[in-house]
Amino acid sequence: MSNRVPVGPSGWYPDLDVTKVQLEYPLVRSLGDSDSQAIADVHSSYGIMRVRPAASLDQVTVEYDASRLSEKDLENVLQRFGIPVRRRFSV
C-alpha cells in the first residue's frame, strides 16, 4: 500500500472536486496601506483561494471555492477581515 497523497494537475492540491468562482467586488472606499494585512490574512480563511486588488484600488477580485462557501458567506468573511467590500446582501 502506498502512503503517497494524490496530487492534482497544479501540483499543489489533491484531485478534489472544487468549484472555483471568481467575483469582483467594488469597495466602499479605496484601499490603503493598512488594508494590505487584511488582504494577506483573509487567505487563511477556508475556501478562499486568492484576493487581488485592482490597480485603481477601488475593487478586489476574489477567487474562492463555491463548494465550500456561498456568495453570502464569502461576503461575510471579507467583511470580518476588514476588507471594505460593498455589500450585495443585507445583514
N, C-alpha and C. Protein backbone atom coordinates (compact mmCIF):
# COMPACT_ATOMS: atom_id res chain seq x y z
N MET A 1 0.82 -1.18 0.00
CA MET A 1 0.00 0.00 0.00
C MET A 1 0.87 1.25 0.00
N SER A 2 0.48 2.23 -0.78
CA SER A 2 1.25 3.46 -0.89
C SER A 2 0.73 4.50 0.09
N ASN A 3 1.65 5.28 0.66
CA ASN A 3 1.29 6.37 1.56
C ASN A 3 1.32 7.72 0.84
N ARG A 4 1.43 7.69 -0.46
CA ARG A 4 1.53 8.94 -1.22
C ARG A 4 0.17 9.61 -1.32
N VAL A 5 0.20 10.92 -1.24
CA VAL A 5 -1.02 11.72 -1.39
C VAL A 5 -1.18 12.04 -2.86
N PRO A 6 -2.37 11.82 -3.44
CA PRO A 6 -2.56 12.15 -4.85
C PRO A 6 -2.44 13.65 -5.07
N VAL A 7 -1.73 14.03 -6.10
CA VAL A 7 -1.53 15.44 -6.41
C VAL A 7 -2.22 15.75 -7.72
N GLY A 8 -2.94 16.86 -7.74
CA GLY A 8 -3.68 17.26 -8.94
C GLY A 8 -2.77 17.86 -9.99
N PRO A 9 -3.34 18.29 -11.10
CA PRO A 9 -2.56 18.84 -12.21
C PRO A 9 -1.76 20.08 -11.83
N SER A 10 -2.22 20.84 -10.85
CA SER A 10 -1.49 22.04 -10.44
C SER A 10 -0.25 21.69 -9.65
N GLY A 11 -0.18 20.46 -9.14
CA GLY A 11 0.96 20.07 -8.34
C GLY A 11 0.82 20.40 -6.87
N TRP A 12 -0.22 21.13 -6.51
CA TRP A 12 -0.38 21.57 -5.12
C TRP A 12 -1.48 20.84 -4.38
N TYR A 13 -2.61 20.63 -5.01
CA TYR A 13 -3.76 20.08 -4.32
C TYR A 13 -4.07 18.66 -4.80
N PRO A 14 -4.57 17.83 -3.92
CA PRO A 14 -5.03 16.52 -4.37
C PRO A 14 -6.19 16.69 -5.36
N ASP A 15 -6.48 15.66 -6.10
CA ASP A 15 -7.59 15.70 -7.04
C ASP A 15 -8.90 15.71 -6.26
N LEU A 16 -9.37 16.88 -5.91
CA LEU A 16 -10.62 17.05 -5.19
C LEU A 16 -11.57 17.86 -6.05
N ASP A 17 -12.84 17.67 -5.84
CA ASP A 17 -13.82 18.46 -6.57
C ASP A 17 -13.84 19.87 -5.98
N VAL A 18 -13.54 20.82 -6.82
CA VAL A 18 -13.51 22.23 -6.43
C VAL A 18 -14.33 23.00 -7.44
N THR A 19 -15.18 23.88 -6.96
CA THR A 19 -15.96 24.75 -7.83
C THR A 19 -15.38 26.14 -7.70
N LYS A 20 -14.41 26.44 -8.54
CA LYS A 20 -13.70 27.71 -8.47
C LYS A 20 -14.53 28.81 -9.12
N VAL A 21 -14.76 29.88 -8.36
CA VAL A 21 -15.55 31.02 -8.84
C VAL A 21 -14.74 32.28 -8.63
N GLN A 22 -14.86 33.20 -9.55
CA GLN A 22 -14.17 34.49 -9.44
C GLN A 22 -15.21 35.60 -9.45
N LEU A 23 -15.17 36.47 -8.45
CA LEU A 23 -16.10 37.60 -8.35
C LEU A 23 -15.32 38.89 -8.16
N GLU A 24 -15.88 39.96 -8.69
CA GLU A 24 -15.30 41.28 -8.46
C GLU A 24 -16.21 42.03 -7.50
N TYR A 25 -15.60 42.63 -6.49
CA TYR A 25 -16.35 43.41 -5.51
C TYR A 25 -15.90 44.85 -5.56
N PRO A 26 -16.82 45.78 -5.77
CA PRO A 26 -16.47 47.19 -5.61
C PRO A 26 -16.27 47.47 -4.12
N LEU A 27 -15.47 48.46 -3.83
CA LEU A 27 -15.17 48.80 -2.43
C LEU A 27 -15.90 50.08 -2.03
N VAL A 28 -16.21 50.20 -0.75
CA VAL A 28 -16.87 51.40 -0.25
C VAL A 28 -15.87 52.55 -0.10
N ARG A 29 -14.60 52.22 -0.09
CA ARG A 29 -13.53 53.22 -0.07
C ARG A 29 -12.31 52.58 -0.73
N SER A 30 -11.40 53.41 -1.18
CA SER A 30 -10.17 52.89 -1.78
C SER A 30 -9.31 52.21 -0.72
N LEU A 31 -8.57 51.21 -1.15
CA LEU A 31 -7.68 50.51 -0.22
C LEU A 31 -6.49 51.39 0.14
N GLY A 32 -6.07 51.25 1.38
CA GLY A 32 -4.89 51.98 1.85
C GLY A 32 -3.83 51.00 2.32
N ASP A 33 -2.72 51.52 2.78
CA ASP A 33 -1.62 50.67 3.26
C ASP A 33 -2.06 49.74 4.38
N SER A 34 -2.95 50.22 5.24
CA SER A 34 -3.39 49.41 6.38
C SER A 34 -4.24 48.21 5.96
N ASP A 35 -4.76 48.21 4.74
CA ASP A 35 -5.60 47.11 4.27
C ASP A 35 -4.79 45.92 3.74
N SER A 36 -3.51 46.12 3.50
CA SER A 36 -2.70 45.04 2.92
C SER A 36 -2.63 43.83 3.85
N GLN A 37 -2.57 44.04 5.14
CA GLN A 37 -2.52 42.92 6.08
C GLN A 37 -3.84 42.15 6.09
N ALA A 38 -4.96 42.87 5.98
CA ALA A 38 -6.27 42.20 5.93
C ALA A 38 -6.38 41.33 4.69
N ILE A 39 -5.87 41.81 3.56
CA ILE A 39 -5.90 41.03 2.32
C ILE A 39 -5.02 39.80 2.46
N ALA A 40 -3.88 39.95 3.09
CA ALA A 40 -3.00 38.79 3.31
C ALA A 40 -3.65 37.79 4.27
N ASP A 41 -4.27 38.28 5.32
CA ASP A 41 -4.86 37.41 6.34
C ASP A 41 -6.09 36.65 5.85
N VAL A 42 -6.88 37.23 4.94
CA VAL A 42 -8.11 36.58 4.50
C VAL A 42 -7.82 35.29 3.74
N HIS A 43 -6.61 35.14 3.23
CA HIS A 43 -6.24 33.90 2.53
C HIS A 43 -6.23 32.70 3.48
N SER A 44 -6.16 32.94 4.77
CA SER A 44 -6.17 31.83 5.74
C SER A 44 -7.57 31.28 5.96
N SER A 45 -8.57 31.97 5.43
CA SER A 45 -9.95 31.52 5.62
C SER A 45 -10.27 30.38 4.67
N TYR A 46 -10.97 29.38 5.18
CA TYR A 46 -11.32 28.18 4.45
C TYR A 46 -12.10 28.50 3.18
N GLY A 47 -11.63 28.05 2.04
CA GLY A 47 -12.34 28.21 0.78
C GLY A 47 -11.89 29.39 -0.06
N ILE A 48 -11.15 30.32 0.51
CA ILE A 48 -10.68 31.48 -0.26
C ILE A 48 -9.33 31.15 -0.88
N MET A 49 -9.25 31.30 -2.19
CA MET A 49 -8.04 30.95 -2.91
C MET A 49 -7.16 32.16 -3.21
N ARG A 50 -7.78 33.27 -3.60
CA ARG A 50 -6.99 34.44 -3.98
C ARG A 50 -7.83 35.70 -3.85
N VAL A 51 -7.20 36.76 -3.36
CA VAL A 51 -7.82 38.09 -3.32
C VAL A 51 -6.82 39.06 -3.93
N ARG A 52 -7.23 39.71 -5.02
CA ARG A 52 -6.33 40.63 -5.72
C ARG A 52 -6.98 42.01 -5.80
N PRO A 53 -6.29 43.03 -5.32
CA PRO A 53 -6.82 44.38 -5.50
C PRO A 53 -6.60 44.84 -6.95
N ALA A 54 -7.52 45.65 -7.45
CA ALA A 54 -7.35 46.26 -8.77
C ALA A 54 -6.27 47.33 -8.68
N ALA A 55 -5.67 47.64 -9.80
CA ALA A 55 -4.62 48.67 -9.83
C ALA A 55 -5.15 50.01 -9.33
N SER A 56 -6.44 50.26 -9.56
CA SER A 56 -7.06 51.51 -9.12
C SER A 56 -7.37 51.52 -7.63
N LEU A 57 -7.27 50.36 -6.98
CA LEU A 57 -7.53 50.18 -5.54
C LEU A 57 -8.99 50.47 -5.14
N ASP A 58 -9.90 50.41 -6.12
CA ASP A 58 -11.30 50.66 -5.81
C ASP A 58 -12.16 49.40 -5.91
N GLN A 59 -11.53 48.25 -6.15
CA GLN A 59 -12.24 46.97 -6.17
C GLN A 59 -11.25 45.84 -5.94
N VAL A 60 -11.79 44.67 -5.56
CA VAL A 60 -10.97 43.47 -5.39
C VAL A 60 -11.60 42.34 -6.19
N THR A 61 -10.75 41.46 -6.70
CA THR A 61 -11.19 40.25 -7.37
C THR A 61 -10.90 39.09 -6.43
N VAL A 62 -11.91 38.28 -6.18
CA VAL A 62 -11.80 37.18 -5.23
C VAL A 62 -12.05 35.86 -5.96
N GLU A 63 -11.13 34.92 -5.80
CA GLU A 63 -11.33 33.56 -6.28
C GLU A 63 -11.58 32.69 -5.06
N TYR A 64 -12.64 31.91 -5.12
CA TYR A 64 -13.00 31.08 -3.97
C TYR A 64 -13.62 29.78 -4.43
N ASP A 65 -13.72 28.84 -3.51
CA ASP A 65 -14.32 27.54 -3.78
C ASP A 65 -15.80 27.60 -3.39
N ALA A 66 -16.66 27.63 -4.40
CA ALA A 66 -18.10 27.76 -4.15
C ALA A 66 -18.71 26.49 -3.56
N SER A 67 -17.96 25.39 -3.58
CA SER A 67 -18.48 24.19 -2.91
C SER A 67 -18.22 24.27 -1.40
N ARG A 68 -17.43 25.25 -0.98
CA ARG A 68 -17.13 25.45 0.44
C ARG A 68 -17.83 26.67 1.02
N LEU A 69 -18.01 27.71 0.19
CA LEU A 69 -18.60 28.97 0.65
C LEU A 69 -19.69 29.41 -0.31
N SER A 70 -20.78 29.94 0.24
CA SER A 70 -21.77 30.59 -0.61
C SER A 70 -21.27 32.02 -0.85
N GLU A 71 -21.90 32.70 -1.79
CA GLU A 71 -21.50 34.08 -2.07
C GLU A 71 -21.74 34.96 -0.84
N LYS A 72 -22.82 34.70 -0.13
CA LYS A 72 -23.13 35.46 1.08
C LYS A 72 -22.08 35.19 2.18
N ASP A 73 -21.68 33.91 2.32
CA ASP A 73 -20.62 33.57 3.29
C ASP A 73 -19.32 34.27 2.94
N LEU A 74 -18.99 34.29 1.65
CA LEU A 74 -17.77 34.94 1.19
C LEU A 74 -17.79 36.42 1.56
N GLU A 75 -18.88 37.07 1.29
CA GLU A 75 -19.01 38.48 1.62
C GLU A 75 -18.81 38.72 3.12
N ASN A 76 -19.40 37.86 3.95
CA ASN A 76 -19.24 37.99 5.40
C ASN A 76 -17.80 37.80 5.84
N VAL A 77 -17.09 36.84 5.22
CA VAL A 77 -15.67 36.62 5.55
C VAL A 77 -14.86 37.86 5.20
N LEU A 78 -15.08 38.41 4.01
CA LEU A 78 -14.34 39.61 3.60
C LEU A 78 -14.58 40.76 4.57
N GLN A 79 -15.83 40.95 4.96
CA GLN A 79 -16.16 41.99 5.93
C GLN A 79 -15.50 41.73 7.29
N ARG A 80 -15.54 40.49 7.72
CA ARG A 80 -14.96 40.13 9.03
C ARG A 80 -13.46 40.42 9.07
N PHE A 81 -12.78 40.24 7.95
CA PHE A 81 -11.35 40.51 7.91
C PHE A 81 -11.04 41.99 7.67
N GLY A 82 -12.07 42.80 7.51
CA GLY A 82 -11.87 44.24 7.39
C GLY A 82 -11.67 44.74 5.97
N ILE A 83 -11.98 43.93 4.98
CA ILE A 83 -11.87 44.38 3.59
C ILE A 83 -13.18 45.11 3.27
N PRO A 84 -13.09 46.37 2.86
CA PRO A 84 -14.28 47.23 2.73
C PRO A 84 -15.11 47.00 1.46
N VAL A 85 -15.60 45.78 1.29
CA VAL A 85 -16.41 45.48 0.11
C VAL A 85 -17.81 46.06 0.26
N ARG A 86 -18.36 46.49 -0.88
CA ARG A 86 -19.75 46.95 -0.88
C ARG A 86 -20.64 45.72 -0.82
N ARG A 87 -21.52 45.69 0.16
CA ARG A 87 -22.38 44.53 0.39
C ARG A 87 -23.40 44.35 -0.73
N ARG A 88 -23.56 43.09 -1.17
CA ARG A 88 -24.61 42.74 -2.12
C ARG A 88 -25.82 42.19 -1.39
N PHE A 89 -25.57 41.67 -0.18
CA PHE A 89 -26.63 41.06 0.63
C PHE A 89 -26.78 41.87 1.90
N SER A 90 -28.02 42.01 2.37
CA SER A 90 -28.23 42.69 3.64
C SER A 90 -27.88 41.74 4.78
N VAL A 91 -27.52 42.31 5.88
CA VAL A 91 -27.07 41.51 7.04
C VAL A 91 -28.25 40.86 7.70
